[in-house]
Amino acid sequence: MAERKEKLEIPVEVRLNSGNLTIEEVCALATRSKTGFYEDLKAGLVAVRKIGRKSVVPGPIAAAYISGRPLPQVA
């Protein structure tokens, strides 16, 4: 039988600096609904990155969005 690899959990605080957060995590931290998040996405207040079929928010962008700062430029 194949062994299952354990999923490495990286704390949100670390991912806010140099990782990615899910849209659900950003909504919870910003106390914003998913509908409100997607409205902000359309307005250009937040940006997402696609990894395969999944959308994620880069950490620095999530940190700025949560605190209400303008979007940083992320490659």
PDB file of N, CA and C in Angstrom:
ATOM      1  N   MET A   1       0.825  -1.178   0.000  1.00  0.00           N
ATOM      2  CA  MET A   1       0.000   0.000   0.000  1.00  0.00           C
ATOM      3  C   MET A   1       0.870   1.242   0.000  1.00  0.00           C
ATOM      4  N   ALA A   2       0.418   2.259  -0.657  1.00  0.00           N
ATOM      5  CA  ALA A   2       1.138   3.531  -0.695  1.00  0.00           C
ATOM      6  C   ALA A   2       0.922   4.284   0.611  1.00  0.00           C
ATOM      7  N   GLU A   3       1.986   4.919   1.068  1.00  0.00           N
ATOM      8  CA  GLU A   3       1.874   5.710   2.291  1.00  0.00           C
ATOM      9  C   GLU A   3       1.283   7.070   1.957  1.00  0.00           C
ATOM     10  N   ARG A   4       0.497   7.585   2.884  1.00  0.00           N
ATOM     11  CA  ARG A   4      -0.066   8.919   2.703  1.00  0.00           C
ATOM     12  C   ARG A   4       0.879   9.923   3.340  1.00  0.00           C
ATOM     13  N   LYS A   5       1.180  10.959   2.608  1.00  0.00           N
ATOM     14  CA  LYS A   5       2.031  12.008   3.148  1.00  0.00           C
ATOM     15  C   LYS A   5       1.179  12.917   4.023  1.00  0.00           C
ATOM     16  N   GLU A   6       1.766  13.330   5.142  1.00  0.00           N
ATOM     17  CA  GLU A   6       1.059  14.257   6.009  1.00  0.00           C
ATOM     18  C   GLU A   6       1.112  15.640   5.385  1.00  0.00           C
ATOM     19  N   LYS A   7       0.017  16.368   5.512  1.00  0.00           N
ATOM     20  CA  LYS A   7      -0.042  17.716   4.987  1.00  0.00           C
ATOM     21  C   LYS A   7       0.633  18.658   5.978  1.00  0.00           C
ATOM     22  N   LEU A   8       1.576  19.436   5.497  1.00  0.00           N
ATOM     23  CA  LEU A   8       2.303  20.371   6.335  1.00  0.00           C
ATOM     24  C   LEU A   8       1.457  21.623   6.524  1.00  0.00           C
ATOM     25  N   GLU A   9       1.130  21.941   7.763  1.00  0.00           N
ATOM     26  CA  GLU A   9       0.347  23.126   8.070  1.00  0.00           C
ATOM     27  C   GLU A   9       1.280  24.284   8.383  1.00  0.00           C
ATOM     28  N   ILE A  10       1.220  25.325   7.571  1.00  0.00           N
ATOM     29  CA  ILE A  10       2.010  26.524   7.799  1.00  0.00           C
ATOM     30  C   ILE A  10       1.068  27.570   8.384  1.00  0.00           C
ATOM     31  N   PRO A  11       1.434  28.183   9.514  1.00  0.00           N
ATOM     32  CA  PRO A  11       0.550  29.149  10.166  1.00  0.00           C
ATOM     33  C   PRO A  11       0.195  30.327   9.254  1.00  0.00           C
ATOM     34  N   VAL A  12      -0.988  30.875   9.454  1.00  0.00           N
ATOM     35  CA  VAL A  12      -1.470  32.002   8.652  1.00  0.00           C
ATOM     36  C   VAL A  12      -0.516  33.187   8.767  1.00  0.00           C
ATOM     37  N   GLU A  13       0.037  33.427   9.951  1.00  0.00           N
ATOM     38  CA  GLU A  13       0.945  34.554  10.142  1.00  0.00           C
ATOM     39  C   GLU A  13       2.147  34.468   9.210  1.00  0.00           C
ATOM     40  N   VAL A  14       2.647  33.271   9.000  1.00  0.00           N
ATOM     41  CA  VAL A  14       3.791  33.076   8.104  1.00  0.00           C
ATOM     42  C   VAL A  14       3.352  33.264   6.658  1.00  0.00           C
ATOM     43  N   ARG A  15       2.202  32.700   6.311  1.00  0.00           N
ATOM     44  CA  ARG A  15       1.718  32.805   4.927  1.00  0.00           C
ATOM     45  C   ARG A  15       1.334  34.223   4.555  1.00  0.00           C
ATOM     46  N   LEU A  16       0.991  35.083   5.531  1.00  0.00           N
ATOM     47  CA  LEU A  16       0.694  36.485   5.231  1.00  0.00           C
ATOM     48  C   LEU A  16       1.947  37.210   4.743  1.00  0.00           C
ATOM     49  N   ASN A  17       3.109  36.762   5.160  1.00  0.00           N
ATOM     50  CA  ASN A  17       4.357  37.390   4.731  1.00  0.00           C
ATOM     51  C   ASN A  17       4.872  36.832   3.414  1.00  0.00           C
ATOM     52  N   SER A  18       4.791  35.518   3.236  1.00  0.00           N
ATOM     53  CA  SER A  18       5.442  34.943   2.060  1.00  0.00           C
ATOM     54  C   SER A  18       4.755  33.685   1.541  1.00  0.00           C
ATOM     55  N   GLY A  19       3.462  33.630   1.605  1.00  0.00           N
ATOM     56  CA  GLY A  19       2.760  32.447   1.119  1.00  0.00           C
ATOM     57  C   GLY A  19       1.468  32.835   0.434  1.00  0.00           C
ATOM     58  N   ASN A  20       0.538  31.931   0.439  1.00  0.00           N
ATOM     59  CA  ASN A  20      -0.786  32.153  -0.152  1.00  0.00           C
ATOM     60  C   ASN A  20      -1.857  31.788   0.849  1.00  0.00           C
ATOM     61  N   LEU A  21      -2.986  32.470   0.766  1.00  0.00           N
ATOM     62  CA  LEU A  21      -4.140  32.161   1.598  1.00  0.00           C
ATOM     63  C   LEU A  21      -5.313  31.827   0.688  1.00  0.00           C
ATOM     64  N   THR A  22      -6.217  30.995   1.198  1.00  0.00           N
ATOM     65  CA  THR A  22      -7.422  30.705   0.435  1.00  0.00           C
ATOM     66  C   THR A  22      -8.366  31.895   0.543  1.00  0.00           C
ATOM     67  N   ILE A  23      -9.306  31.964  -0.355  1.00  0.00           N
ATOM     68  CA  ILE A  23     -10.295  33.042  -0.315  1.00  0.00           C
ATOM     69  C   ILE A  23     -11.099  32.960   0.975  1.00  0.00           C
ATOM     70  N   GLU A  24     -11.402  31.746   1.429  1.00  0.00           N
ATOM     71  CA  GLU A  24     -12.153  31.574   2.669  1.00  0.00           C
ATOM     72  C   GLU A  24     -11.382  32.127   3.868  1.00  0.00           C
ATOM     73  N   GLU A  25     -10.063  31.891   3.909  1.00  0.00           N
ATOM     74  CA  GLU A  25      -9.244  32.408   5.000  1.00  0.00           C
ATOM     75  C   GLU A  25      -9.220  33.934   4.997  1.00  0.00           C
ATOM     76  N   VAL A  26      -9.080  34.522   3.820  1.00  0.00           N
ATOM     77  CA  VAL A  26      -9.046  35.984   3.719  1.00  0.00           C
ATOM     78  C   VAL A  26     -10.382  36.567   4.147  1.00  0.00           C
ATOM     79  N   CYS A  27     -11.474  35.955   3.726  1.00  0.00           N
ATOM     80  CA  CYS A  27     -12.800  36.441   4.121  1.00  0.00           C
ATOM     81  C   CYS A  27     -12.974  36.383   5.638  1.00  0.00           C
ATOM     82  N   ALA A  28     -12.511  35.315   6.259  1.00  0.00           N
ATOM     83  CA  ALA A  28     -12.630  35.176   7.706  1.00  0.00           C
ATOM     84  C   ALA A  28     -11.791  36.228   8.427  1.00  0.00           C
ATOM     85  N   LEU A  29     -10.563  36.456   7.952  1.00  0.00           N
ATOM     86  CA  LEU A  29      -9.682  37.429   8.595  1.00  0.00           C
ATOM     87  C   LEU A  29     -10.156  38.865   8.377  1.00  0.00           C
ATOM     88  N   ALA A  30     -10.768  39.126   7.237  1.00  0.00           N
ATOM     89  CA  ALA A  30     -11.242  40.475   6.924  1.00  0.00           C
ATOM     90  C   ALA A  30     -12.682  40.691   7.384  1.00  0.00           C
ATOM     91  N   THR A  31     -13.300  39.669   7.962  1.00  0.00           N
ATOM     92  CA  THR A  31     -14.719  39.677   8.331  1.00  0.00           C
ATOM     93  C   THR A  31     -15.566  40.214   7.180  1.00  0.00           C
ATOM     94  N   ARG A  32     -15.371  39.588   6.030  1.00  0.00           N
ATOM     95  CA  ARG A  32     -16.068  39.964   4.800  1.00  0.00           C
ATOM     96  C   ARG A  32     -16.706  38.707   4.232  1.00  0.00           C
ATOM     97  N   SER A  33     -17.876  38.850   3.649  1.00  0.00           N
ATOM     98  CA  SER A  33     -18.522  37.701   3.018  1.00  0.00           C
ATOM     99  C   SER A  33     -17.825  37.398   1.696  1.00  0.00           C
ATOM    100  N   LYS A  34     -18.041  36.191   1.172  1.00  0.00           N
ATOM    101  CA  LYS A  34     -17.449  35.849  -0.122  1.00  0.00           C
ATOM    102  C   LYS A  34     -17.999  36.749  -1.225  1.00  0.00           C
ATOM    103  N   THR A  35     -19.280  37.090  -1.125  1.00  0.00           N
ATOM    104  CA  THR A  35     -19.873  37.989  -2.123  1.00  0.00           C
ATOM    105  C   THR A  35     -19.175  39.343  -2.066  1.00  0.00           C
ATOM    106  N   GLY A  36     -18.970  39.853  -0.854  1.00  0.00           N
ATOM    107  CA  GLY A  36     -18.279  41.128  -0.691  1.00  0.00           C
ATOM    108  C   GLY A  36     -16.845  41.058  -1.187  1.00  0.00           C
ATOM    109  N   PHE A  37     -16.180  39.922  -0.932  1.00  0.00           N
ATOM    110  CA  PHE A  37     -14.815  39.734  -1.411  1.00  0.00           C
ATOM    111  C   PHE A  37     -14.780  39.807  -2.927  1.00  0.00           C
ATOM    112  N   TYR A  38     -15.703  39.109  -3.597  1.00  0.00           N
ATOM    113  CA  TYR A  38     -15.706  39.119  -5.064  1.00  0.00           C
ATOM    114  C   TYR A  38     -16.074  40.492  -5.617  1.00  0.00           C
ATOM    115  N   GLU A  39     -16.879  41.268  -4.899  1.00  0.00           N
ATOM    116  CA  GLU A  39     -17.148  42.652  -5.305  1.00  0.00           C
ATOM    117  C   GLU A  39     -15.865  43.478  -5.210  1.00  0.00           C
ATOM    118  N   ASP A  40     -15.105  43.279  -4.128  1.00  0.00           N
ATOM    119  CA  ASP A  40     -13.835  43.982  -3.966  1.00  0.00           C
ATOM    120  C   ASP A  40     -12.826  43.541  -5.027  1.00  0.00           C
ATOM    121  N   LEU A  41     -12.852  42.270  -5.390  1.00  0.00           N
ATOM    122  CA  LEU A  41     -11.980  41.757  -6.444  1.00  0.00           C
ATOM    123  C   LEU A  41     -12.290  42.459  -7.765  1.00  0.00           C
ATOM    124  N   LYS A  42     -13.568  42.580  -8.086  1.00  0.00           N
ATOM    125  CA  LYS A  42     -13.989  43.238  -9.318  1.00  0.00           C
ATOM    126  C   LYS A  42     -13.611  44.720  -9.309  1.00  0.00           C
ATOM    127  N   ALA A  43     -13.643  45.350  -8.115  1.00  0.00           N
ATOM    128  CA  ALA A  43     -13.301  46.765  -7.985  1.00  0.00           C
ATOM    129  C   ALA A  43     -11.788  46.996  -7.959  1.00  0.00           C
ATOM    130  N   GLY A  44     -10.991  45.926  -7.897  1.00  0.00           N
ATOM    131  CA  GLY A  44      -9.546  46.056  -7.904  1.00  0.00           C
ATOM    132  C   GLY A  44      -8.934  46.281  -6.532  1.00  0.00           C
ATOM    133  N   LEU A  45      -9.686  46.012  -5.470  1.00  0.00           N
ATOM    134  CA  LEU A  45      -9.178  46.199  -4.115  1.00  0.00           C
ATOM    135  C   LEU A  45      -8.364  45.009  -3.622  1.00  0.00           C
ATOM    136  N   VAL A  46      -8.468  43.898  -4.313  1.00  0.00           N
ATOM    137  CA  VAL A  46      -7.747  42.673  -3.954  1.00  0.00           C
ATOM    138  C   VAL A  46      -7.485  41.915  -5.254  1.00  0.00           C
ATOM    139  N   ALA A  47      -6.478  41.048  -5.240  1.00  0.00           N
ATOM    140  CA  ALA A  47      -6.135  40.265  -6.431  1.00  0.00           C
ATOM    141  C   ALA A  47      -5.973  38.809  -6.040  1.00  0.00           C
ATOM    142  N   VAL A  48      -6.238  37.938  -6.985  1.00  0.00           N
ATOM    143  CA  VAL A  48      -6.066  36.506  -6.766  1.00  0.00           C
ATOM    144  C   VAL A  48      -5.104  35.956  -7.802  1.00  0.00           C
ATOM    145  N   ARG A  49      -4.562  34.794  -7.497  1.00  0.00           N
ATOM    146  CA  ARG A  49      -3.669  34.072  -8.394  1.00  0.00           C
ATOM    147  C   ARG A  49      -4.252  32.673  -8.546  1.00  0.00           C
ATOM    148  N   LYS A  50      -4.200  32.144  -9.750  1.00  0.00           N
ATOM    149  CA  LYS A  50      -4.695  30.793  -9.998  1.00  0.00           C
ATOM    150  C   LYS A  50      -3.546  29.797  -9.872  1.00  0.00           C
ATOM    151  N   ILE A  51      -3.784  28.736  -9.121  1.00  0.00           N
ATOM    152  CA  ILE A  51      -2.869  27.598  -9.046  1.00  0.00           C
ATOM    153  C   ILE A  51      -3.709  26.400  -9.462  1.00  0.00           C
ATOM    154  N   GLY A  52      -3.548  26.027 -10.704  1.00  0.00           N
ATOM    155  CA  GLY A  52      -4.423  24.995 -11.260  1.00  0.00           C
ATOM    156  C   GLY A  52      -5.834  25.554 -11.350  1.00  0.00           C
ATOM    157  N   ARG A  53      -6.767  24.866 -10.720  1.00  0.00           N
ATOM    158  CA  ARG A  53      -8.151  25.332 -10.712  1.00  0.00           C
ATOM    159  C   ARG A  53      -8.477  26.163  -9.479  1.00  0.00           C
ATOM    160  N   LYS A  54      -7.544  26.229  -8.550  1.00  0.00           N
ATOM    161  CA  LYS A  54      -7.797  26.903  -7.281  1.00  0.00           C
ATOM    162  C   LYS A  54      -7.338  28.359  -7.324  1.00  0.00           C
ATOM    163  N   SER A  55      -8.135  29.251  -6.761  1.00  0.00           N
ATOM    164  CA  SER A  55      -7.768  30.655  -6.637  1.00  0.00           C
ATOM    165  C   SER A  55      -7.226  30.898  -5.239  1.00  0.00           C
ATOM    166  N   VAL A  56      -6.083  31.567  -5.151  1.00  0.00           N
ATOM    167  CA  VAL A  56      -5.479  31.911  -3.868  1.00  0.00           C
ATOM    168  C   VAL A  56      -5.127  33.388  -3.876  1.00  0.00           C
ATOM    169  N   VAL A  57      -4.960  33.927  -2.675  1.00  0.00           N
ATOM    170  CA  VAL A  57      -4.570  35.322  -2.526  1.00  0.00           C
ATOM    171  C   VAL A  57      -3.137  35.331  -1.995  1.00  0.00           C
ATOM    172  N   PRO A  58      -2.201  35.956  -2.716  1.00  0.00           N
ATOM    173  CA  PRO A  58      -0.833  36.037  -2.204  1.00  0.00           C
ATOM    174  C   PRO A  58      -0.809  36.750  -0.844  1.00  0.00           C
ATOM    175  N   GLY A  59       0.048  36.278   0.051  1.00  0.00           N
ATOM    176  CA  GLY A  59       0.101  36.787   1.410  1.00  0.00           C
ATOM    177  C   GLY A  59       0.191  38.291   1.550  1.00  0.00           C
ATOM    178  N   PRO A  60       1.140  38.963   0.864  1.00  0.00           N
ATOM    179  CA  PRO A  60       1.237  40.419   1.003  1.00  0.00           C
ATOM    180  C   PRO A  60      -0.029  41.145   0.549  1.00  0.00           C
ATOM    181  N   ILE A  61      -0.676  40.624  -0.486  1.00  0.00           N
ATOM    182  CA  ILE A  61      -1.934  41.233  -0.948  1.00  0.00           C
ATOM    183  C   ILE A  61      -3.030  41.010   0.082  1.00  0.00           C
ATOM    184  N   ALA A  62      -3.087  39.806   0.660  1.00  0.00           N
ATOM    185  CA  ALA A  62      -4.083  39.514   1.693  1.00  0.00           C
ATOM    186  C   ALA A  62      -3.879  40.414   2.912  1.00  0.00           C
ATOM    187  N   ALA A  63      -2.625  40.600   3.323  1.00  0.00           N
ATOM    188  CA  ALA A  63      -2.333  41.447   4.487  1.00  0.00           C
ATOM    189  C   ALA A  63      -2.776  42.881   4.232  1.00  0.00           C
ATOM    190  N   ALA A  64      -2.517  43.402   3.034  1.00  0.00           N
ATOM    191  CA  ALA A  64      -2.938  44.759   2.697  1.00  0.00           C
ATOM    192  C   ALA A  64      -4.457  44.864   2.665  1.00  0.00           C
ATOM    193  N   TYR A  65      -5.121  43.884   2.075  1.00  0.00           N
ATOM    194  CA  TYR A  65      -6.585  43.891   1.971  1.00  0.00           C
ATOM    195  C   TYR A  65      -7.222  43.838   3.360  1.00  0.00           C
ATOM    196  N   ILE A  66      -6.711  42.993   4.224  1.00  0.00           N
ATOM    197  CA  ILE A  66      -7.268  42.836   5.568  1.00  0.00           C
ATOM    198  C   ILE A  66      -7.133  44.134   6.364  1.00  0.00           C
ATOM    199  N   SER A  67      -5.990  44.822   6.195  1.00  0.00           N
ATOM    200  CA  SER A  67      -5.753  46.057   6.956  1.00  0.00           C
ATOM    201  C   SER A  67      -6.288  47.298   6.257  1.00  0.00           C
ATOM    202  N   GLY A  68      -6.784  47.157   5.030  1.00  0.00           N
ATOM    203  CA  GLY A  68      -7.366  48.293   4.313  1.00  0.00           C
ATOM    204  C   GLY A  68      -6.353  49.135   3.558  1.00  0.00           C
ATOM    205  N   ARG A  69      -5.111  48.636   3.421  1.00  0.00           N
ATOM    206  CA  ARG A  69      -4.083  49.374   2.675  1.00  0.00           C
ATOM    207  C   ARG A  69      -4.245  49.100   1.183  1.00  0.00           C
ATOM    208  N   PRO A  70      -3.652  49.982   0.334  1.00  0.00           N
ATOM    209  CA  PRO A  70      -3.674  49.732  -1.116  1.00  0.00           C
ATOM    210  C   PRO A  70      -2.893  48.470  -1.465  1.00  0.00           C
ATOM    211  N   LEU A  71      -3.198  47.898  -2.615  1.00  0.00           N
ATOM    212  CA  LEU A  71      -2.541  46.672  -3.063  1.00  0.00           C
ATOM    213  C   LEU A  71      -1.062  46.895  -3.323  1.00  0.00           C
ATOM    214  N   PRO A  72      -0.193  46.023  -2.804  1.00  0.00           N
ATOM    215  CA  PRO A  72       1.223  46.092  -3.175  1.00  0.00           C
ATOM    216  C   PRO A  72       1.417  45.442  -4.540  1.00  0.00           C
ATOM    217  N   GLN A  73       2.495  45.773  -5.202  1.00  0.00           N
ATOM    218  CA  GLN A  73       2.803  45.152  -6.485  1.00  0.00           C
ATOM    219  C   GLN A  73       3.519  43.835  -6.221  1.00  0.00           C
ATOM    220  N   VAL A  74       2.912  42.716  -6.635  1.00  0.00           N
ATOM    221  CA  VAL A  74       3.484  41.381  -6.440  1.00  0.00           C
ATOM    222  C   VAL A  74       3.638  40.744  -7.805  1.00  0.00           C
ATOM    223  N   ALA A  75       4.790  40.130  -8.041  1.00  0.00           N
ATOM    224  CA  ALA A  75       5.032  39.477  -9.329  1.00  0.00           C
ATOM    225  C   ALA A  75       4.241  38.211  -9.448  1.00  0.00           C
TER     226      ALA A  75
END
